[in-house]
């Protein structure tokens, strides 16, 4: 399923979802498969792989699988079982690479 709009899932979906906007998995919702989106809020269950700029697992939300994101939030009592990979914003990467090395002088002990 390829979408350019927001999606709210409060039932069961099997398959692949590609969305340019936001996906919300409601308390009664479940997704089994692959999800690629801008932002996802999970109150129900997701089993599979998730790639998003922002992933938010709410209280009682559950993800089993892999997550790739720039921002990953798990609220108290949210469950995540799997592998997480952080991707970097292009704007943040140069700042990390511009660090300067400063020589450290060693002091002699008497």
N, C-alpha and C. Protein backbone atom coordinates (compact mmCIF):
# COMPACT_ATOMS: atom_id res chain seq x y z
N UNK A 1 0.84 -1.16 0.00
CA UNK A 1 0.00 0.00 0.00
C UNK A 1 0.90 1.24 0.00
N UNK A 2 0.74 2.10 -0.97
CA UNK A 2 1.49 3.35 -1.06
C UNK A 2 0.53 4.51 -0.79
N UNK A 3 0.90 5.36 0.20
CA UNK A 3 0.01 6.43 0.62
C UNK A 3 0.72 7.78 0.63
N UNK A 4 -0.04 8.82 0.40
CA UNK A 4 0.45 10.18 0.56
C UNK A 4 -0.36 10.91 1.62
N UNK A 5 -1.14 10.16 2.40
CA UNK A 5 -1.98 10.76 3.43
C UNK A 5 -1.70 10.07 4.77
N UNK A 6 -2.30 10.59 5.83
CA UNK A 6 -2.19 9.96 7.14
C UNK A 6 -3.01 8.68 7.16
N UNK A 7 -2.58 7.72 7.99
CA UNK A 7 -3.28 6.44 8.09
C UNK A 7 -3.48 6.10 9.57
N UNK A 8 -4.70 5.69 9.92
CA UNK A 8 -5.02 5.22 11.26
C UNK A 8 -5.45 3.77 11.13
N UNK A 9 -4.73 2.86 11.80
CA UNK A 9 -5.04 1.43 11.75
C UNK A 9 -5.62 1.01 13.10
N UNK A 10 -6.87 0.55 13.10
CA UNK A 10 -7.47 0.06 14.34
C UNK A 10 -8.01 -1.36 14.14
N UNK A 11 -7.54 -2.00 13.08
CA UNK A 11 -7.86 -3.39 12.78
C UNK A 11 -6.56 -4.10 12.49
N UNK A 12 -6.60 -5.16 11.69
CA UNK A 12 -5.39 -5.92 11.37
C UNK A 12 -5.00 -5.69 9.91
N UNK A 13 -3.70 -5.47 9.68
CA UNK A 13 -3.18 -5.30 8.33
C UNK A 13 -1.95 -6.17 8.16
N UNK A 14 -1.91 -6.98 7.09
CA UNK A 14 -0.74 -7.77 6.69
C UNK A 14 -0.21 -7.21 5.40
N UNK A 15 1.09 -6.89 5.35
CA UNK A 15 1.67 -6.43 4.10
C UNK A 15 2.65 -5.31 4.27
N UNK A 16 2.80 -4.53 3.20
CA UNK A 16 3.78 -3.45 3.15
C UNK A 16 3.04 -2.12 3.07
N UNK A 17 3.45 -1.17 3.93
CA UNK A 17 2.87 0.17 3.91
C UNK A 17 3.98 1.18 3.69
N UNK A 18 3.85 1.98 2.66
CA UNK A 18 4.75 3.11 2.40
C UNK A 18 3.92 4.38 2.46
N UNK A 19 4.24 5.26 3.41
CA UNK A 19 3.48 6.49 3.57
C UNK A 19 4.42 7.68 3.68
N UNK A 20 4.08 8.77 3.02
CA UNK A 20 4.88 9.98 3.11
C UNK A 20 4.50 10.82 4.31
N UNK A 21 3.45 10.43 5.03
CA UNK A 21 2.98 11.20 6.17
C UNK A 21 3.04 10.38 7.44
N UNK A 22 1.98 10.37 8.22
CA UNK A 22 1.97 9.76 9.54
C UNK A 22 1.08 8.53 9.59
N UNK A 23 1.52 7.56 10.39
CA UNK A 23 0.74 6.36 10.63
C UNK A 23 0.52 6.25 12.13
N UNK A 24 -0.72 5.97 12.51
CA UNK A 24 -1.04 5.69 13.91
C UNK A 24 -1.65 4.31 13.98
N UNK A 25 -1.10 3.48 14.86
CA UNK A 25 -1.66 2.15 15.10
C UNK A 25 -2.43 2.26 16.41
N UNK A 26 -3.75 2.18 16.32
CA UNK A 26 -4.61 2.33 17.50
C UNK A 26 -4.47 1.17 18.46
N UNK A 27 -5.12 1.29 19.62
CA UNK A 27 -5.02 0.27 20.67
C UNK A 27 -5.49 -1.10 20.19
N UNK A 28 -6.44 -1.15 19.28
CA UNK A 28 -6.93 -2.42 18.74
C UNK A 28 -6.26 -2.77 17.41
N UNK A 29 -5.30 -1.97 16.98
CA UNK A 29 -4.67 -2.16 15.68
C UNK A 29 -3.45 -3.05 15.74
N UNK A 30 -3.19 -3.72 14.62
CA UNK A 30 -1.97 -4.52 14.48
C UNK A 30 -1.54 -4.53 13.02
N UNK A 31 -0.25 -4.44 12.85
CA UNK A 31 0.35 -4.51 11.52
C UNK A 31 1.40 -5.61 11.54
N UNK A 32 1.36 -6.47 10.53
CA UNK A 32 2.38 -7.51 10.36
C UNK A 32 2.98 -7.31 8.99
N UNK A 33 4.26 -6.92 8.94
CA UNK A 33 4.91 -6.69 7.66
C UNK A 33 5.94 -5.59 7.74
N UNK A 34 6.03 -4.79 6.68
CA UNK A 34 7.01 -3.70 6.60
C UNK A 34 6.29 -2.36 6.56
N UNK A 35 6.83 -1.41 7.35
CA UNK A 35 6.25 -0.07 7.38
C UNK A 35 7.36 0.94 7.12
N UNK A 36 7.13 1.83 6.17
CA UNK A 36 8.04 2.94 5.89
C UNK A 36 7.21 4.21 5.88
N UNK A 37 7.56 5.16 6.76
CA UNK A 37 6.74 6.36 6.91
C UNK A 37 7.55 7.49 7.49
N UNK A 38 6.96 8.67 7.53
CA UNK A 38 7.61 9.82 8.15
C UNK A 38 7.60 9.67 9.67
N UNK A 39 6.42 9.50 10.24
CA UNK A 39 6.24 9.33 11.69
C UNK A 39 5.26 8.20 11.94
N UNK A 40 5.52 7.43 13.00
CA UNK A 40 4.58 6.38 13.39
C UNK A 40 4.38 6.41 14.90
N UNK A 41 3.12 6.34 15.32
CA UNK A 41 2.76 6.25 16.73
C UNK A 41 2.08 4.90 16.92
N UNK A 42 2.60 4.12 17.87
CA UNK A 42 2.12 2.75 18.05
C UNK A 42 1.47 2.60 19.42
N UNK A 43 0.16 2.36 19.40
CA UNK A 43 -0.59 2.08 20.62
C UNK A 43 -0.99 0.61 20.66
N UNK A 44 -0.95 -0.03 19.51
CA UNK A 44 -1.30 -1.45 19.38
C UNK A 44 -0.03 -2.27 19.17
N UNK A 45 -0.02 -3.10 18.12
CA UNK A 45 1.08 -4.03 17.89
C UNK A 45 1.60 -3.92 16.46
N UNK A 46 2.92 -3.92 16.32
CA UNK A 46 3.56 -4.00 15.01
C UNK A 46 4.57 -5.13 15.07
N UNK A 47 4.48 -6.03 14.08
CA UNK A 47 5.41 -7.14 13.98
C UNK A 47 6.05 -7.09 12.60
N UNK A 48 7.36 -6.86 12.57
CA UNK A 48 8.07 -6.75 11.30
C UNK A 48 9.10 -5.65 11.35
N UNK A 49 9.26 -4.93 10.24
CA UNK A 49 10.27 -3.86 10.20
C UNK A 49 9.59 -2.51 10.05
N UNK A 50 10.16 -1.53 10.76
CA UNK A 50 9.66 -0.16 10.72
C UNK A 50 10.81 0.76 10.38
N UNK A 51 10.62 1.62 9.38
CA UNK A 51 11.58 2.66 9.06
C UNK A 51 10.83 3.98 9.05
N UNK A 52 11.28 4.92 9.90
CA UNK A 52 10.59 6.20 10.02
C UNK A 52 11.54 7.23 10.60
N UNK A 53 11.23 8.50 10.37
CA UNK A 53 12.01 9.55 11.02
C UNK A 53 11.78 9.52 12.53
N UNK A 54 10.52 9.34 12.93
CA UNK A 54 10.18 9.32 14.34
C UNK A 54 9.30 8.10 14.63
N UNK A 55 9.71 7.31 15.62
CA UNK A 55 8.94 6.15 16.06
C UNK A 55 8.59 6.38 17.53
N UNK A 56 7.31 6.28 17.84
CA UNK A 56 6.86 6.48 19.22
C UNK A 56 6.00 5.31 19.64
N UNK A 57 6.49 4.55 20.63
CA UNK A 57 5.72 3.43 21.18
C UNK A 57 5.06 3.94 22.46
N UNK A 58 3.75 3.98 22.44
CA UNK A 58 2.98 4.48 23.58
C UNK A 58 2.81 3.39 24.64
N UNK A 59 2.25 3.78 25.79
CA UNK A 59 1.94 2.82 26.85
C UNK A 59 1.09 1.70 26.26
N UNK A 60 1.48 0.48 26.53
CA UNK A 60 0.82 -0.74 26.04
C UNK A 60 1.02 -0.99 24.55
N UNK A 61 1.78 -0.14 23.86
CA UNK A 61 2.15 -0.41 22.47
C UNK A 61 3.25 -1.45 22.44
N UNK A 62 3.33 -2.19 21.35
CA UNK A 62 4.31 -3.27 21.27
C UNK A 62 4.87 -3.38 19.85
N UNK A 63 6.20 -3.44 19.75
CA UNK A 63 6.86 -3.67 18.46
C UNK A 63 7.78 -4.86 18.62
N UNK A 64 7.64 -5.82 17.69
CA UNK A 64 8.52 -6.98 17.64
C UNK A 64 9.14 -7.00 16.25
N UNK A 65 10.45 -6.72 16.18
CA UNK A 65 11.10 -6.68 14.88
C UNK A 65 12.23 -5.68 14.86
N UNK A 66 12.40 -5.00 13.74
CA UNK A 66 13.50 -4.03 13.61
C UNK A 66 12.95 -2.63 13.39
N UNK A 67 13.66 -1.66 13.97
CA UNK A 67 13.30 -0.26 13.82
C UNK A 67 14.52 0.51 13.36
N UNK A 68 14.35 1.32 12.31
CA UNK A 68 15.38 2.25 11.85
C UNK A 68 14.76 3.63 11.89
N UNK A 69 15.37 4.55 12.67
CA UNK A 69 14.78 5.87 12.82
C UNK A 69 15.82 6.89 13.26
N UNK A 70 15.46 8.17 13.15
CA UNK A 70 16.32 9.24 13.69
C UNK A 70 15.90 9.58 15.11
N UNK A 71 14.64 9.31 15.46
CA UNK A 71 14.14 9.58 16.80
C UNK A 71 13.29 8.39 17.24
N UNK A 72 13.58 7.85 18.43
CA UNK A 72 12.91 6.64 18.91
C UNK A 72 12.50 6.84 20.36
N UNK A 73 11.19 6.78 20.62
CA UNK A 73 10.65 7.06 21.94
C UNK A 73 9.83 5.86 22.40
N UNK A 74 10.09 5.40 23.63
CA UNK A 74 9.28 4.34 24.23
C UNK A 74 8.75 4.86 25.56
N UNK A 75 7.43 4.96 25.66
CA UNK A 75 6.82 5.39 26.91
C UNK A 75 6.85 4.25 27.92
N UNK A 76 6.63 4.59 29.18
CA UNK A 76 6.56 3.61 30.25
C UNK A 76 5.52 2.54 29.89
N UNK A 77 5.88 1.28 30.06
CA UNK A 77 5.05 0.11 29.77
C UNK A 77 4.90 -0.16 28.27
N UNK A 78 5.58 0.58 27.44
CA UNK A 78 5.66 0.24 26.03
C UNK A 78 6.66 -0.90 25.87
N UNK A 79 6.49 -1.74 24.86
CA UNK A 79 7.35 -2.92 24.70
C UNK A 79 8.02 -2.90 23.34
N UNK A 80 9.33 -3.14 23.35
CA UNK A 80 10.09 -3.28 22.11
C UNK A 80 10.98 -4.51 22.23
N UNK A 81 10.82 -5.43 21.29
CA UNK A 81 11.66 -6.63 21.23
C UNK A 81 12.24 -6.70 19.83
N UNK A 82 13.55 -6.52 19.72
CA UNK A 82 14.15 -6.60 18.40
C UNK A 82 15.42 -5.80 18.28
N UNK A 83 15.64 -5.27 17.08
CA UNK A 83 16.87 -4.55 16.75
C UNK A 83 16.53 -3.11 16.39
N UNK A 84 17.31 -2.18 16.90
CA UNK A 84 17.10 -0.77 16.61
C UNK A 84 18.35 -0.19 15.98
N UNK A 85 18.17 0.55 14.89
CA UNK A 85 19.28 1.24 14.23
C UNK A 85 18.91 2.71 14.13
N UNK A 86 19.84 3.57 14.52
CA UNK A 86 19.60 5.01 14.43
C UNK A 86 20.20 5.52 13.13
N UNK A 87 19.42 6.27 12.38
CA UNK A 87 19.95 6.93 11.19
C UNK A 87 20.15 8.40 11.54
N UNK A 88 21.11 9.03 10.90
CA UNK A 88 21.47 10.41 11.21
C UNK A 88 20.87 11.36 10.20
N UNK A 89 20.42 12.52 10.70
CA UNK A 89 20.00 13.60 9.80
C UNK A 89 21.24 14.14 9.10
N UNK A 90 21.12 14.53 7.85
CA UNK A 90 22.26 15.10 7.14
C UNK A 90 22.75 16.37 7.80
N UNK A 91 21.85 17.12 8.43
CA UNK A 91 22.25 18.36 9.08
C UNK A 91 23.05 18.11 10.35
N UNK A 92 22.86 16.95 10.98
CA UNK A 92 23.58 16.64 12.21
C UNK A 92 24.94 16.03 11.93
N UNK A 93 25.08 15.32 10.85
CA UNK A 93 26.32 14.61 10.58
C UNK A 93 27.55 15.50 10.49
N UNK A 94 27.53 16.65 9.78
CA UNK A 94 28.73 17.47 9.71
C UNK A 94 29.19 17.97 11.09
N UNK A 95 28.28 18.26 11.98
CA UNK A 95 28.66 18.74 13.31
C UNK A 95 29.44 17.65 14.04
N UNK A 96 29.07 16.41 13.84
CA UNK A 96 29.79 15.32 14.48
C UNK A 96 31.17 15.14 13.88
N UNK A 97 31.30 15.43 12.60
CA UNK A 97 32.58 15.25 11.93
C UNK A 97 33.53 16.44 12.09
N UNK A 98 33.04 17.56 12.60
CA UNK A 98 33.88 18.75 12.74
C UNK A 98 34.54 18.86 14.10
N UNK A 99 34.58 17.78 14.85
CA UNK A 99 35.22 17.84 16.16
C UNK A 99 36.72 18.04 15.99
N UNK A 100 37.31 18.80 16.90
CA UNK A 100 38.74 19.09 16.82
C UNK A 100 39.49 18.26 17.84
N UNK A 101 40.67 17.83 17.47
CA UNK A 101 41.53 17.11 18.38
C UNK A 101 42.42 18.11 19.11
N UNK A 102 42.46 17.96 20.41
CA UNK A 102 43.27 18.85 21.23
C UNK A 102 44.35 18.01 21.89
N UNK A 103 45.63 18.37 21.68
CA UNK A 103 46.69 17.58 22.32
C UNK A 103 46.65 17.75 23.83
N UNK A 104 46.94 16.69 24.53
CA UNK A 104 46.95 16.73 25.99
C UNK A 104 48.41 16.70 26.44
N UNK A 105 48.78 17.65 27.28
CA UNK A 105 50.13 17.69 27.82
C UNK A 105 50.20 16.73 29.01
N UNK A 106 51.24 15.94 29.01
CA UNK A 106 51.42 15.06 30.15
C UNK A 106 52.33 15.76 31.16
N UNK A 107 51.96 15.65 32.41
CA UNK A 107 52.79 16.25 33.46
C UNK A 107 53.65 15.18 34.08
N UNK A 108 54.90 15.54 34.33
CA UNK A 108 55.81 14.59 34.93
C UNK A 108 55.62 14.58 36.43
N UNK A 109 55.67 13.39 37.01
CA UNK A 109 55.56 13.27 38.46
C UNK A 109 56.95 13.32 39.06
N UNK A 110 57.06 13.93 40.23
CA UNK A 110 58.36 14.01 40.89
C UNK A 110 58.60 12.86 41.77
